[in-house]
N, C-alpha and C. Protein backbone atom coordinates (compact mmCIF):
# COMPACT_ATOMS: atom_id res chain seq x y z
N UNK A 1 -37.40 -9.43 16.43
CA UNK A 1 -36.10 -9.26 16.09
C UNK A 1 -36.24 -8.49 14.50
N UNK A 2 -36.06 -6.98 14.87
CA UNK A 2 -36.08 -6.34 13.72
C UNK A 2 -34.80 -6.10 13.59
N UNK A 3 -34.24 -6.33 12.31
CA UNK A 3 -33.00 -5.84 11.99
C UNK A 3 -32.63 -4.48 11.38
N UNK A 4 -31.44 -4.20 11.11
CA UNK A 4 -31.05 -2.59 10.40
C UNK A 4 -31.86 -2.63 8.85
N UNK A 5 -31.89 -3.83 8.41
CA UNK A 5 -32.37 -3.25 7.30
C UNK A 5 -33.89 -3.49 6.98
N UNK A 6 -34.69 -4.04 8.24
CA UNK A 6 -35.90 -3.70 8.27
C UNK A 6 -36.12 -2.53 8.25
N UNK A 7 -35.46 -1.35 9.24
CA UNK A 7 -35.89 -0.14 9.06
C UNK A 7 -35.95 1.03 8.06
N UNK A 8 -36.94 1.59 7.82
CA UNK A 8 -36.94 2.61 6.85
C UNK A 8 -35.94 3.43 6.84
N UNK A 9 -35.58 4.34 5.75
CA UNK A 9 -35.22 5.41 6.29
C UNK A 9 -35.28 6.84 7.17
N UNK A 10 -36.87 6.57 7.31
CA UNK A 10 -37.02 7.53 8.18
C UNK A 10 -36.60 7.40 9.78
N UNK A 11 -36.52 5.96 9.66
CA UNK A 11 -36.65 5.33 11.32
C UNK A 11 -35.04 5.18 11.28
N UNK A 12 -34.07 5.23 10.32
CA UNK A 12 -32.79 5.13 10.53
C UNK A 12 -32.43 6.90 11.39
N UNK A 13 -32.98 7.50 10.70
CA UNK A 13 -32.70 8.94 10.88
C UNK A 13 -32.93 9.54 12.31
N UNK A 14 -33.91 8.69 12.76
CA UNK A 14 -34.13 9.14 13.93
C UNK A 14 -33.81 8.00 15.23
N UNK A 15 -33.00 6.88 14.91
CA UNK A 15 -32.34 6.24 15.82
C UNK A 15 -31.77 6.63 16.89
N UNK A 16 -32.10 5.83 18.12
CA UNK A 16 -30.95 6.97 19.10
C UNK A 16 -29.68 5.36 19.20
N UNK A 17 -28.63 6.43 19.79
CA UNK A 17 -27.15 5.81 20.33
C UNK A 17 -27.58 4.23 20.85
N UNK A 18 -28.68 4.32 22.06
CA UNK A 18 -29.10 2.87 22.34
C UNK A 18 -29.47 2.02 21.85
N UNK A 19 -30.54 2.60 20.45
CA UNK A 19 -30.79 1.48 19.22
C UNK A 19 -30.02 1.23 18.36
N UNK A 20 -28.80 1.96 18.01
CA UNK A 20 -28.02 1.42 17.55
C UNK A 20 -26.67 0.62 17.56
N UNK A 21 -26.41 0.67 19.36
CA UNK A 21 -26.03 -0.44 19.68
C UNK A 21 -26.34 -2.07 19.95
N UNK A 22 -28.12 -1.93 19.97
CA UNK A 22 -28.60 -2.85 20.33
C UNK A 22 -28.52 -3.85 18.85
N UNK A 23 -28.74 -2.95 18.14
CA UNK A 23 -29.07 -3.35 16.49
C UNK A 23 -27.63 -3.72 15.78
N UNK A 24 -26.39 -3.49 16.20
CA UNK A 24 -24.93 -3.91 16.26
C UNK A 24 -25.07 -5.37 17.03
N UNK A 25 -25.47 -5.32 18.63
CA UNK A 25 -25.32 -6.73 19.15
C UNK A 25 -26.00 -7.85 18.68
N UNK A 26 -27.14 -7.55 17.69
CA UNK A 26 -28.20 -8.14 16.72
C UNK A 26 -27.39 -8.83 15.93
N UNK A 27 -26.65 -7.88 14.96
CA UNK A 27 -26.29 -8.37 14.25
C UNK A 27 -24.87 -8.91 14.28
N UNK A 28 -24.16 -8.88 15.80
CA UNK A 28 -22.82 -9.86 16.07
C UNK A 28 -23.61 -10.95 16.29
N UNK A 29 -24.67 -11.23 16.89
CA UNK A 29 -25.73 -12.02 17.63
C UNK A 29 -25.84 -13.14 16.53
N UNK A 30 -26.15 -12.70 14.97
CA UNK A 30 -26.43 -13.52 13.94
C UNK A 30 -25.35 -14.30 13.33
N UNK A 31 -24.26 -13.37 13.16
CA UNK A 31 -23.03 -13.89 12.91
C UNK A 31 -22.26 -14.66 13.37
N UNK A 32 -22.32 -15.00 15.08
CA UNK A 32 -21.75 -15.40 15.74
C UNK A 32 -20.50 -14.74 16.39
N UNK A 33 -20.81 -13.43 16.55
CA UNK A 33 -19.82 -13.03 16.98
C UNK A 33 -20.15 -12.99 18.38
N UNK A 34 -19.23 -12.99 19.48
CA UNK A 34 -19.29 -12.67 21.20
C UNK A 34 -19.88 -11.34 21.35
N UNK A 35 -20.56 -11.30 22.21
CA UNK A 35 -21.00 -9.96 22.95
C UNK A 35 -19.98 -9.56 23.47
N UNK A 36 -19.68 -8.27 23.62
CA UNK A 36 -18.62 -7.41 23.79
C UNK A 36 -18.24 -7.34 25.35
N UNK A 37 -17.14 -7.59 26.07
CA UNK A 37 -17.03 -8.00 27.03
C UNK A 37 -16.44 -6.66 28.15
N UNK A 38 -16.43 -6.15 29.37
CA UNK A 38 -16.10 -4.80 29.90
C UNK A 38 -14.80 -4.85 29.29
N UNK A 39 -13.80 -3.81 29.12
CA UNK A 39 -12.42 -3.45 28.41
C UNK A 39 -11.77 -4.19 30.05
N UNK A 40 -11.04 -4.94 29.80
CA UNK A 40 -9.84 -4.98 30.64
C UNK A 40 -9.41 -3.88 31.63
N UNK A 41 -8.85 -4.01 32.87
CA UNK A 41 -8.37 -3.13 33.76
C UNK A 41 -7.04 -3.13 33.32
N UNK A 42 -6.08 -1.74 32.85
CA UNK A 42 -4.97 -1.65 32.56
C UNK A 42 -4.17 -2.00 33.98
N UNK A 43 -3.23 -3.08 33.89
CA UNK A 43 -2.55 -2.77 34.82
C UNK A 43 -1.18 -2.11 34.99
N UNK A 44 -1.05 -1.39 36.06
CA UNK A 44 0.16 -0.12 35.81
C UNK A 44 1.01 -1.27 36.78
N UNK A 45 2.54 -0.87 35.78
CA UNK A 45 3.56 -1.30 36.01
C UNK A 45 4.08 -1.02 38.16
N UNK A 46 4.92 -1.68 38.32
CA UNK A 46 5.47 -1.20 39.03
C UNK A 46 6.83 -0.55 39.12
N UNK A 47 6.30 0.42 39.84
CA UNK A 47 7.36 1.51 40.05
C UNK A 47 8.85 1.18 40.80
N UNK A 48 9.88 0.52 40.59
CA UNK A 48 11.12 0.49 41.40
C UNK A 48 12.08 0.95 40.75
N UNK A 49 12.67 2.15 41.13
CA UNK A 49 13.30 3.38 40.61
C UNK A 49 15.23 2.97 41.20
N UNK A 50 15.94 2.79 40.21
CA UNK A 50 17.62 2.51 40.46
C UNK A 50 17.83 3.14 41.60
N UNK A 51 18.51 2.74 42.48
CA UNK A 51 19.65 3.82 43.92
C UNK A 51 20.72 3.08 43.63
N UNK A 52 21.19 3.30 42.51
CA UNK A 52 22.50 3.08 42.49
C UNK A 52 23.12 3.07 41.36
N UNK A 53 24.55 3.87 41.24
CA UNK A 53 24.72 4.01 39.70
C UNK A 53 26.72 2.95 39.81
N UNK A 54 26.42 2.57 38.63
CA UNK A 54 28.11 1.73 38.64
C UNK A 54 28.39 2.10 37.11
N UNK A 55 29.19 1.60 36.80
CA UNK A 55 30.34 2.29 35.68
C UNK A 55 30.72 1.06 34.72
N UNK A 56 30.86 0.84 33.58
CA UNK A 56 30.90 -0.20 32.88
C UNK A 56 31.86 0.28 32.02
N UNK A 57 32.94 -1.07 31.71
CA UNK A 57 34.15 -0.36 30.73
C UNK A 57 34.44 -2.04 30.30
N UNK A 58 34.28 -2.35 28.87
CA UNK A 58 34.81 -3.39 28.32
C UNK A 58 33.84 -4.68 28.78
N UNK A 59 32.72 -4.29 29.14
CA UNK A 59 32.09 -5.47 29.72
C UNK A 59 31.60 -5.92 31.16
N UNK A 60 32.49 -4.74 32.21
CA UNK A 60 33.08 -5.44 33.31
C UNK A 60 32.26 -3.81 34.21
N UNK A 61 31.67 -3.90 35.42
CA UNK A 61 31.04 -3.16 35.94
C UNK A 61 31.49 -2.94 37.46
N UNK A 62 31.80 -1.90 37.54
CA UNK A 62 32.23 -1.12 38.69
C UNK A 62 31.65 -0.18 39.71
N UNK A 63 31.88 -0.19 40.84
CA UNK A 63 31.18 0.29 42.33
C UNK A 63 31.84 1.84 42.17
N UNK A 64 33.19 2.20 41.43
CA UNK A 64 33.98 3.47 41.54
C UNK A 64 33.98 3.61 40.18
N UNK A 65 33.71 5.32 39.92
CA UNK A 65 34.29 5.57 38.60
C UNK A 65 35.82 5.81 38.42
N UNK A 66 36.52 5.58 39.77
CA UNK A 66 38.07 5.60 39.72
C UNK A 66 38.36 4.47 39.26
N UNK A 67 37.88 3.33 39.70
CA UNK A 67 38.10 2.41 39.50
C UNK A 67 38.15 1.52 37.56
N UNK A 68 36.86 1.83 37.36
CA UNK A 68 36.90 1.57 35.79
C UNK A 68 37.56 2.45 34.99
N UNK A 69 37.70 3.80 35.12
CA UNK A 69 38.34 4.74 34.78
C UNK A 69 40.28 3.94 34.59
N UNK A 70 40.49 3.49 35.85
CA UNK A 70 41.65 3.01 35.77
C UNK A 70 41.78 1.55 34.38
N UNK A 71 40.97 0.80 34.83
CA UNK A 71 40.76 0.19 33.68
C UNK A 71 40.61 0.04 32.37
N UNK A 72 40.18 0.83 32.16
CA UNK A 72 40.01 1.76 30.74
C UNK A 72 41.50 2.29 30.08
N UNK A 73 41.83 2.91 31.21
CA UNK A 73 43.60 3.20 30.91
C UNK A 73 44.70 2.43 30.19
N UNK A 74 44.51 1.13 30.98
CA UNK A 74 44.87 0.14 30.82
C UNK A 74 44.75 -0.67 29.47
N UNK A 75 43.45 -0.64 29.30
CA UNK A 75 42.82 -1.56 28.19
C UNK A 75 43.84 -0.38 26.73
N UNK A 76 43.32 0.74 26.91
CA UNK A 76 43.95 2.03 26.01
C UNK A 76 45.21 2.01 25.95
N UNK A 77 46.15 1.45 26.78
CA UNK A 77 47.66 1.63 26.69
C UNK A 77 48.45 0.54 25.76
N UNK A 78 46.95 -0.47 26.05
CA UNK A 78 47.87 -1.69 25.02
C UNK A 78 47.57 -1.77 23.51
N UNK A 79 46.48 -0.58 22.94
CA UNK A 79 46.47 -0.41 21.79
C UNK A 79 45.84 -1.37 21.27
N UNK A 80 44.27 -1.50 21.69
CA UNK A 80 43.51 -2.52 21.14
C UNK A 80 43.15 -2.71 19.92
N UNK A 81 42.99 -4.22 19.27
CA UNK A 81 42.71 -3.92 17.90
C UNK A 81 41.07 -3.89 17.48
N UNK A 82 40.89 -3.49 16.41
CA UNK A 82 39.68 -3.63 15.90
C UNK A 82 39.38 -4.96 15.13
N UNK A 83 38.47 -5.90 15.50
CA UNK A 83 38.25 -6.65 14.55
C UNK A 83 36.47 -7.26 14.00
N UNK A 84 36.56 -7.11 12.49
CA UNK A 84 35.30 -6.81 12.08
C UNK A 84 35.12 -8.35 11.01
N UNK A 85 34.55 -8.31 9.88
CA UNK A 85 34.43 -8.84 9.17
C UNK A 85 33.37 -8.26 7.96
N UNK A 86 33.87 -9.02 6.37
CA UNK A 86 33.09 -8.40 5.58
C UNK A 86 31.80 -9.19 5.21
N UNK A 87 30.62 -8.36 5.63
CA UNK A 87 29.36 -9.25 5.61
C UNK A 87 28.95 -9.67 4.24
N UNK A 88 29.32 -8.75 3.20
CA UNK A 88 28.95 -8.62 2.37
C UNK A 88 29.10 -9.79 1.59
N UNK A 89 30.62 -10.27 2.01
CA UNK A 89 31.30 -11.22 0.97
C UNK A 89 31.18 -12.59 1.67
N UNK A 90 31.85 -12.76 2.40
CA UNK A 90 31.59 -13.90 3.01
C UNK A 90 31.67 -14.34 4.65
N UNK A 91 31.45 -12.82 5.56
CA UNK A 91 31.77 -12.88 6.84
C UNK A 91 33.09 -13.05 7.67
N UNK A 92 34.37 -13.37 6.69
CA UNK A 92 34.91 -13.80 7.21
C UNK A 92 35.96 -12.55 7.76
N UNK A 93 35.72 -12.98 9.89
CA UNK A 93 36.55 -12.32 10.23
C UNK A 93 38.02 -11.86 10.31
N UNK A 94 38.38 -10.73 10.22
CA UNK A 94 39.64 -9.89 10.35
C UNK A 94 40.32 -8.85 10.67
N UNK A 95 41.08 -8.14 11.40
CA UNK A 95 42.17 -7.35 12.07
C UNK A 95 41.79 -6.30 11.08
N UNK A 96 41.11 -5.20 11.61
CA UNK A 96 40.68 -3.80 10.82
C UNK A 96 41.62 -2.93 11.51
N UNK A 97 42.80 -2.48 11.50
CA UNK A 97 43.32 -2.04 12.26
C UNK A 97 43.12 -1.57 13.66
N UNK A 98 43.48 -0.38 14.56
CA UNK A 98 42.85 -0.33 15.76
C UNK A 98 41.74 0.51 15.98
N UNK A 99 41.44 -0.10 17.31
CA UNK A 99 40.03 0.50 17.70
C UNK A 99 40.40 1.71 18.20
N UNK A 100 39.22 2.80 17.46
CA UNK A 100 39.61 4.23 17.33
C UNK A 100 39.59 4.88 18.78
N UNK A 101 38.51 4.70 19.07
CA UNK A 101 37.75 5.25 20.44
C UNK A 101 38.51 4.47 21.84
N UNK A 102 38.77 3.08 21.43
CA UNK A 102 39.48 2.43 22.66
C UNK A 102 38.12 2.04 23.96
N UNK A 103 38.52 1.59 24.95
CA UNK A 103 37.90 1.59 26.13
C UNK A 103 36.98 3.11 26.51
N UNK A 104 35.44 2.87 26.59
CA UNK A 104 34.96 3.98 27.28
C UNK A 104 34.45 3.59 28.81
N UNK A 105 34.48 4.61 29.73
CA UNK A 105 33.98 4.25 30.92
C UNK A 105 32.16 5.17 30.55
N UNK A 106 31.22 4.08 30.92
CA UNK A 106 29.97 4.49 30.48
C UNK A 106 28.95 4.42 32.37
N UNK A 107 28.16 5.40 32.69
CA UNK A 107 27.84 5.19 33.98
C UNK A 107 25.87 4.61 33.96
N UNK A 108 26.05 3.80 34.29
CA UNK A 108 24.29 3.45 34.05
C UNK A 108 23.85 2.81 35.70
N UNK A 109 22.33 3.75 35.80
CA UNK A 109 21.72 3.53 37.31
C UNK A 109 21.15 2.35 36.78
N UNK A 110 20.95 1.53 38.22
CA UNK A 110 20.82 0.29 38.57
C UNK A 110 19.67 -0.49 39.65
N UNK A 111 19.34 -1.38 39.74
CA UNK A 111 19.00 -1.33 41.88
C UNK A 111 20.13 -1.96 42.05
N UNK A 112 20.38 -1.95 43.66
CA UNK A 112 21.18 -3.09 44.48
C UNK A 112 21.13 -3.80 44.48
N UNK A 113 21.14 -5.04 45.18
CA UNK A 113 21.08 -6.32 45.19
C UNK A 113 19.88 -6.16 46.11
N UNK A 114 19.99 -5.59 47.32
CA UNK A 114 19.05 -5.56 48.20
C UNK A 114 17.64 -5.07 47.74
N UNK A 115 17.58 -4.03 47.07
CA UNK A 115 16.51 -3.08 46.66
C UNK A 115 15.82 -4.32 45.27
N UNK A 116 16.77 -5.30 44.43
CA UNK A 116 16.54 -5.86 43.82
C UNK A 116 15.73 -7.28 44.36
N UNK A 117 15.97 -7.44 45.47
CA UNK A 117 15.28 -8.80 46.35
C UNK A 117 14.25 -8.34 46.92
N UNK A 118 14.12 -7.33 47.50
CA UNK A 118 12.97 -6.29 48.70
C UNK A 118 12.02 -6.15 47.40
N UNK A 119 12.10 -5.99 46.34
CA UNK A 119 11.30 -5.71 45.13
C UNK A 119 10.31 -7.10 44.13
N UNK A 120 11.08 -8.02 44.60
CA UNK A 120 11.13 -9.63 44.03
C UNK A 120 9.44 -9.69 43.92
N UNK A 121 8.89 -10.02 44.96
CA UNK A 121 7.54 -10.55 45.07
C UNK A 121 6.56 -9.63 44.00
N UNK A 122 6.76 -8.35 44.36
CA UNK A 122 5.61 -7.00 43.63
C UNK A 122 6.44 -7.24 42.64
N UNK A 123 7.25 -7.45 41.90
CA UNK A 123 7.58 -7.28 40.57
C UNK A 123 6.93 -8.61 39.68
N UNK A 124 7.27 -9.75 40.38
CA UNK A 124 6.51 -10.87 40.18
C UNK A 124 4.95 -11.07 39.64
N UNK A 125 4.13 -10.48 40.82
CA UNK A 125 2.88 -10.49 41.03
C UNK A 125 2.59 -9.06 39.84
N UNK A 126 3.29 -8.58 39.41
CA UNK A 126 3.03 -7.52 38.36
C UNK A 126 3.13 -8.56 37.31
N UNK A 127 4.27 -9.02 37.18
CA UNK A 127 4.04 -9.66 35.78
C UNK A 127 3.28 -10.98 35.72
N UNK A 128 2.35 -11.38 36.84
CA UNK A 128 1.41 -12.42 36.30
C UNK A 128 0.29 -11.50 35.85
N UNK A 129 -0.12 -10.69 37.03
CA UNK A 129 -1.06 -9.70 36.23
C UNK A 129 -1.06 -9.06 34.86
N UNK A 130 -0.18 -8.88 34.42
CA UNK A 130 0.37 -8.52 33.38
C UNK A 130 0.35 -9.33 32.58
N UNK A 131 0.80 -10.48 32.40
CA UNK A 131 0.22 -11.60 31.30
C UNK A 131 -1.09 -11.84 31.57
N UNK A 132 -1.99 -12.14 32.25
CA UNK A 132 -3.60 -12.40 32.72
C UNK A 132 -3.79 -10.96 32.02
N UNK A 133 -3.94 -9.73 31.85
CA UNK A 133 -3.93 -8.46 31.32
C UNK A 133 -4.20 -8.80 29.76
N UNK A 134 -2.74 -9.23 29.32
CA UNK A 134 -2.70 -9.27 28.05
C UNK A 134 -3.43 -10.34 27.22
N UNK A 135 -4.01 -11.39 27.72
CA UNK A 135 -4.74 -12.55 27.53
C UNK A 135 -6.06 -11.87 27.25
N UNK A 136 -6.31 -11.12 28.49
CA UNK A 136 -7.73 -10.49 27.66
C UNK A 136 -7.97 -9.47 27.55
N UNK A 137 -6.57 -8.69 26.96
CA UNK A 137 -7.07 -7.92 25.98
C UNK A 137 -6.97 -8.10 24.61
N UNK A 138 -6.23 -9.58 24.25
CA UNK A 138 -6.10 -9.94 23.01
C UNK A 138 -7.33 -10.40 22.43
N UNK A 139 -7.70 -11.28 23.46
CA UNK A 139 -9.53 -11.16 23.28
C UNK A 139 -10.45 -10.62 23.40
N UNK A 140 -10.47 -9.90 24.00
CA UNK A 140 -11.33 -8.12 23.79
C UNK A 140 -10.91 -7.69 22.41
N UNK A 141 -9.96 -7.22 22.13
CA UNK A 141 -9.51 -6.52 20.64
C UNK A 141 -10.14 -7.40 19.68
N UNK A 142 -10.03 -8.75 19.94
CA UNK A 142 -10.35 -9.84 18.73
C UNK A 142 -11.97 -9.57 18.71
N UNK A 143 -12.36 -9.74 19.51
CA UNK A 143 -13.93 -9.43 19.45
C UNK A 143 -14.27 -7.96 19.12
N UNK A 144 -13.63 -6.80 19.44
CA UNK A 144 -13.64 -5.60 18.58
C UNK A 144 -13.83 -5.96 17.26
N UNK A 145 -12.71 -6.54 16.59
CA UNK A 145 -12.13 -6.63 15.67
C UNK A 145 -13.10 -7.41 14.78
N UNK A 146 -14.05 -8.33 15.19
CA UNK A 146 -14.91 -9.22 15.05
C UNK A 146 -16.50 -8.56 14.80
N UNK A 147 -16.77 -7.37 15.41
CA UNK A 147 -17.78 -6.52 15.80
C UNK A 147 -17.50 -5.59 14.60
N UNK A 148 -16.52 -5.08 14.25
CA UNK A 148 -16.49 -4.00 13.43
C UNK A 148 -17.40 -4.08 12.01
N UNK A 149 -17.02 -5.13 11.71
CA UNK A 149 -17.55 -5.63 10.43
C UNK A 149 -19.17 -5.35 10.41
N UNK A 150 -19.77 -5.78 11.37
CA UNK A 150 -21.05 -6.09 11.58
C UNK A 150 -21.61 -4.59 11.70
N UNK A 151 -20.62 -3.78 12.66
CA UNK A 151 -21.13 -2.52 13.12
C UNK A 151 -21.04 -1.69 11.59
N UNK A 152 -20.20 -1.93 11.09
CA UNK A 152 -19.76 -0.95 9.94
C UNK A 152 -21.11 -0.91 8.89
N UNK A 153 -21.57 -2.67 8.38
CA UNK A 153 -22.83 -2.38 8.24
C UNK A 153 -23.81 -1.96 8.51
N UNK A 154 -24.10 -1.52 9.92
CA UNK A 154 -25.07 -1.00 10.53
C UNK A 154 -25.13 0.80 10.42
N UNK A 155 -23.82 1.34 10.49
CA UNK A 155 -23.34 2.50 10.28
C UNK A 155 -23.64 3.04 8.95
N UNK A 156 -23.28 2.00 7.87
CA UNK A 156 -23.38 2.41 6.63
C UNK A 156 -24.58 2.32 6.34
N UNK A 157 -25.28 1.52 6.78
CA UNK A 157 -27.05 2.01 6.59
C UNK A 157 -27.38 2.98 6.79
N UNK A 158 -27.30 3.94 8.20
CA UNK A 158 -27.53 5.15 8.65
C UNK A 158 -27.16 6.32 7.58
N UNK A 159 -25.88 6.01 7.68
CA UNK A 159 -25.39 7.38 6.74
C UNK A 159 -25.71 7.43 5.54
N UNK A 160 -25.83 6.03 4.88
CA UNK A 160 -26.83 6.14 3.77
C UNK A 160 -28.21 6.95 3.61
N UNK A 161 -29.02 6.87 4.51
CA UNK A 161 -29.94 7.48 5.05
C UNK A 161 -29.86 8.92 4.89
N UNK A 162 -28.65 9.12 5.73
CA UNK A 162 -28.44 10.65 6.01
C UNK A 162 -28.10 11.34 4.64
N UNK A 163 -27.20 10.37 3.94
CA UNK A 163 -27.05 11.34 2.76
C UNK A 163 -28.20 11.24 1.44
N UNK A 164 -29.16 10.54 1.56
CA UNK A 164 -30.12 10.38 0.81
C UNK A 164 -31.22 11.96 1.28
N UNK A 165 -31.36 11.42 2.43
CA UNK A 165 -31.99 13.71 3.22
C UNK A 165 -31.12 14.34 2.72
N UNK A 166 -30.14 14.53 3.05
CA UNK A 166 -29.09 15.52 2.43
C UNK A 166 -29.60 15.75 1.22
N UNK A 167 -29.16 14.83 0.44
CA UNK A 167 -29.64 15.11 -1.38
C UNK A 167 -31.09 15.67 -1.31
N UNK A 168 -31.90 14.76 -0.83
CA UNK A 168 -33.07 15.44 -0.88
C UNK A 168 -34.06 16.94 -1.12
N UNK A 169 -32.97 17.24 0.21
CA UNK A 169 -33.16 18.51 0.87
C UNK A 169 -32.52 19.38 -0.12
N UNK A 170 -31.32 19.42 -0.46
CA UNK A 170 -30.36 19.75 -1.40
C UNK A 170 -31.12 20.16 -2.78
N UNK A 171 -31.69 19.08 -3.50
CA UNK A 171 -32.80 19.19 -4.44
C UNK A 171 -33.65 20.07 -4.38
N UNK A 172 -34.79 19.75 -3.47
CA UNK A 172 -36.39 20.41 -3.37
C UNK A 172 -35.59 21.89 -2.61
N UNK A 173 -34.65 22.36 -2.01
CA UNK A 173 -34.06 23.69 -1.78
C UNK A 173 -33.81 24.59 -3.30
N UNK A 174 -32.77 23.50 -4.19
CA UNK A 174 -32.75 24.60 -5.34
C UNK A 174 -33.75 24.40 -6.15
N UNK A 175 -34.79 23.18 -6.14
CA UNK A 175 -36.01 23.20 -7.17
C UNK A 175 -36.98 24.95 -6.56
N UNK A 176 -36.83 25.08 -5.47
CA UNK A 176 -37.50 26.48 -4.89
C UNK A 176 -36.99 27.84 -5.52
N UNK A 177 -35.77 27.58 -5.31
CA UNK A 177 -34.47 28.92 -6.34
C UNK A 177 -35.40 28.83 -7.70
N UNK A 178 -35.71 27.71 -7.96
CA UNK A 178 -35.40 27.55 -9.88
C UNK A 178 -36.81 28.25 -9.76
N UNK A 179 -38.18 27.74 -8.90
CA UNK A 179 -39.52 28.48 -9.40
C UNK A 179 -39.27 30.07 -9.41
N UNK A 180 -38.28 30.61 -8.36
CA UNK A 180 -38.47 32.01 -7.95
C UNK A 180 -38.20 32.54 -9.07
N UNK A 181 -36.89 31.98 -9.41
CA UNK A 181 -35.95 32.47 -10.92
C UNK A 181 -37.04 32.44 -12.15
N UNK A 182 -37.98 31.94 -12.14
CA UNK A 182 -38.90 31.12 -13.37
C UNK A 182 -40.41 32.05 -12.97
N UNK A 183 -40.29 32.92 -12.04
CA UNK A 183 -41.31 33.52 -11.67
C UNK A 183 -42.61 32.71 -11.54
N UNK A 184 -42.36 31.64 -11.03
CA UNK A 184 -43.63 30.45 -10.38
C UNK A 184 -43.70 29.57 -11.61
N UNK A 185 -42.95 29.41 -12.60
CA UNK A 185 -43.15 28.75 -13.64
C UNK A 185 -42.45 27.27 -13.73
N UNK A 186 -43.31 26.10 -13.00
CA UNK A 186 -42.30 25.21 -12.14
C UNK A 186 -41.88 24.32 -12.89
N UNK A 187 -42.68 24.02 -14.48
CA UNK A 187 -41.92 23.61 -15.41
C UNK A 187 -41.05 23.93 -16.24
N UNK A 188 -40.81 25.19 -15.87
CA UNK A 188 -39.86 25.53 -16.57
C UNK A 188 -38.18 26.00 -15.55
N UNK A 189 -39.09 25.92 -14.46
CA UNK A 189 -37.99 25.60 -13.33
C UNK A 189 -37.50 24.00 -13.11
N UNK A 190 -37.88 23.12 -13.29
CA UNK A 190 -37.68 21.98 -13.53
C UNK A 190 -36.44 21.51 -14.74
N UNK A 191 -36.35 22.45 -15.45
CA UNK A 191 -35.66 22.56 -16.81
C UNK A 191 -34.50 22.86 -16.38
N UNK A 192 -34.36 24.28 -15.88
CA UNK A 192 -33.37 24.24 -15.23
C UNK A 192 -32.59 23.46 -14.76
N UNK A 193 -33.51 22.74 -13.93
CA UNK A 193 -33.00 22.12 -12.85
C UNK A 193 -32.10 20.83 -13.45
N UNK A 194 -32.65 19.78 -14.30
CA UNK A 194 -32.70 18.95 -15.11
C UNK A 194 -31.39 19.44 -15.23
N UNK A 195 -31.19 20.31 -16.00
CA UNK A 195 -29.64 20.76 -16.92
C UNK A 195 -28.40 21.04 -15.93
N UNK A 196 -28.99 21.10 -15.08
CA UNK A 196 -27.79 21.82 -14.05
C UNK A 196 -27.61 20.46 -12.95
N UNK A 197 -28.82 19.96 -12.61
CA UNK A 197 -28.40 18.61 -11.36
C UNK A 197 -28.82 17.28 -11.91
N UNK A 198 -28.20 16.84 -13.16
CA UNK A 198 -29.24 15.59 -13.30
C UNK A 198 -28.87 14.39 -12.23
N UNK A 199 -28.04 14.57 -11.51
CA UNK A 199 -27.95 13.40 -10.71
C UNK A 199 -28.81 13.19 -9.73
N UNK A 200 -29.20 14.95 -9.30
CA UNK A 200 -30.43 15.35 -8.18
C UNK A 200 -31.99 15.37 -8.85
N UNK A 201 -32.46 14.81 -9.93
CA UNK A 201 -33.40 14.82 -10.43
C UNK A 201 -34.28 14.17 -9.55
N UNK A 202 -33.18 12.63 -9.59
CA UNK A 202 -34.40 11.37 -8.46
C UNK A 202 -34.84 11.84 -7.37
N UNK A 203 -34.48 12.90 -6.76
CA UNK A 203 -34.52 13.27 -5.45
C UNK A 203 -35.46 14.27 -5.48
N UNK A 204 -36.11 14.77 -6.25
CA UNK A 204 -37.63 15.71 -6.43
C UNK A 204 -38.50 14.77 -6.36
N UNK A 205 -39.96 15.92 -5.82
CA UNK A 205 -41.11 15.18 -5.88
C UNK A 205 -41.75 15.18 -7.23
N UNK A 206 -42.49 14.17 -7.28
CA UNK A 206 -43.10 13.76 -8.75
C UNK A 206 -44.26 14.69 -8.98
N UNK A 207 -44.84 15.00 -7.73
CA UNK A 207 -45.69 15.81 -7.97
C UNK A 207 -45.75 17.28 -8.12
N UNK A 208 -46.16 18.14 -8.70
CA UNK A 208 -45.97 19.60 -9.12
C UNK A 208 -46.07 20.05 -7.79
N UNK A 209 -45.42 21.44 -7.63
CA UNK A 209 -45.58 21.82 -5.97
C UNK A 209 -46.35 22.99 -6.36
N UNK A 210 -47.44 23.18 -5.47
CA UNK A 210 -48.75 23.49 -5.74
C UNK A 210 -48.35 25.07 -4.74
N UNK A 211 -47.77 25.14 -3.94
CA UNK A 211 -47.94 26.39 -3.20
C UNK A 211 -46.98 27.63 -4.14
N UNK A 212 -47.56 28.27 -5.09
CA UNK A 212 -46.77 28.88 -5.91
C UNK A 212 -46.31 30.28 -5.01
N UNK A 213 -47.39 30.50 -4.03
CA UNK A 213 -46.96 31.72 -3.54
C UNK A 213 -45.38 32.05 -2.97
N UNK A 214 -45.23 30.79 -2.49
CA UNK A 214 -44.08 30.68 -1.65
C UNK A 214 -43.30 31.04 -2.29
N UNK A 215 -43.19 31.26 -3.21
CA UNK A 215 -41.71 31.68 -4.47
C UNK A 215 -41.91 32.64 -5.33
N UNK A 216 -42.95 33.60 -4.84
CA UNK A 216 -43.15 34.80 -5.84
C UNK A 216 -41.86 35.98 -5.39
N UNK A 217 -41.34 36.78 -6.00
CA UNK A 217 -40.24 37.25 -5.95
C UNK A 217 -40.63 38.86 -5.41
């Protein structure tokens, strides 16, 4: 049972996605995080299209537009009042003049009673499945959230190994360029490097680079 903390940087750099996933599972197991279940399958909502138009005015609905218009006209002829309240003071309701727009007819697409009854069973079945899905999804998301902390630790270790490799390659490459500039004098090249990249000195090889011909101009 080898944890990610037991891996060398070289091992972390060559790790496969499968091995990475296994390391995350191991860290989750050690931390008491449940194994990630399969994601619940989304439940498609029942598509019940509205099949009739009704007309609303002052809270009442009519089948015919003409009937709704007549009701609106009757209301508007009586000059309805506007009643409001002062929300910032004491919420005391009071008359605030006449209603500006009066009663307005609005069209709305809805189901007929027959369609509503015909689709009732399908809609009830969807509701039950959706509630079950929501419960499973909540648990799935909870486990995902718990796993993220464990996964982050593993991914951070891999990213650190990659960063270290990049810095080492940068340091070694820049040292080679300085050796060329110094006509093969590695001691002088290291002085150039120390002055320009003090933070990368730790990534240089401790032993002198012996292949001087590689850096000849």
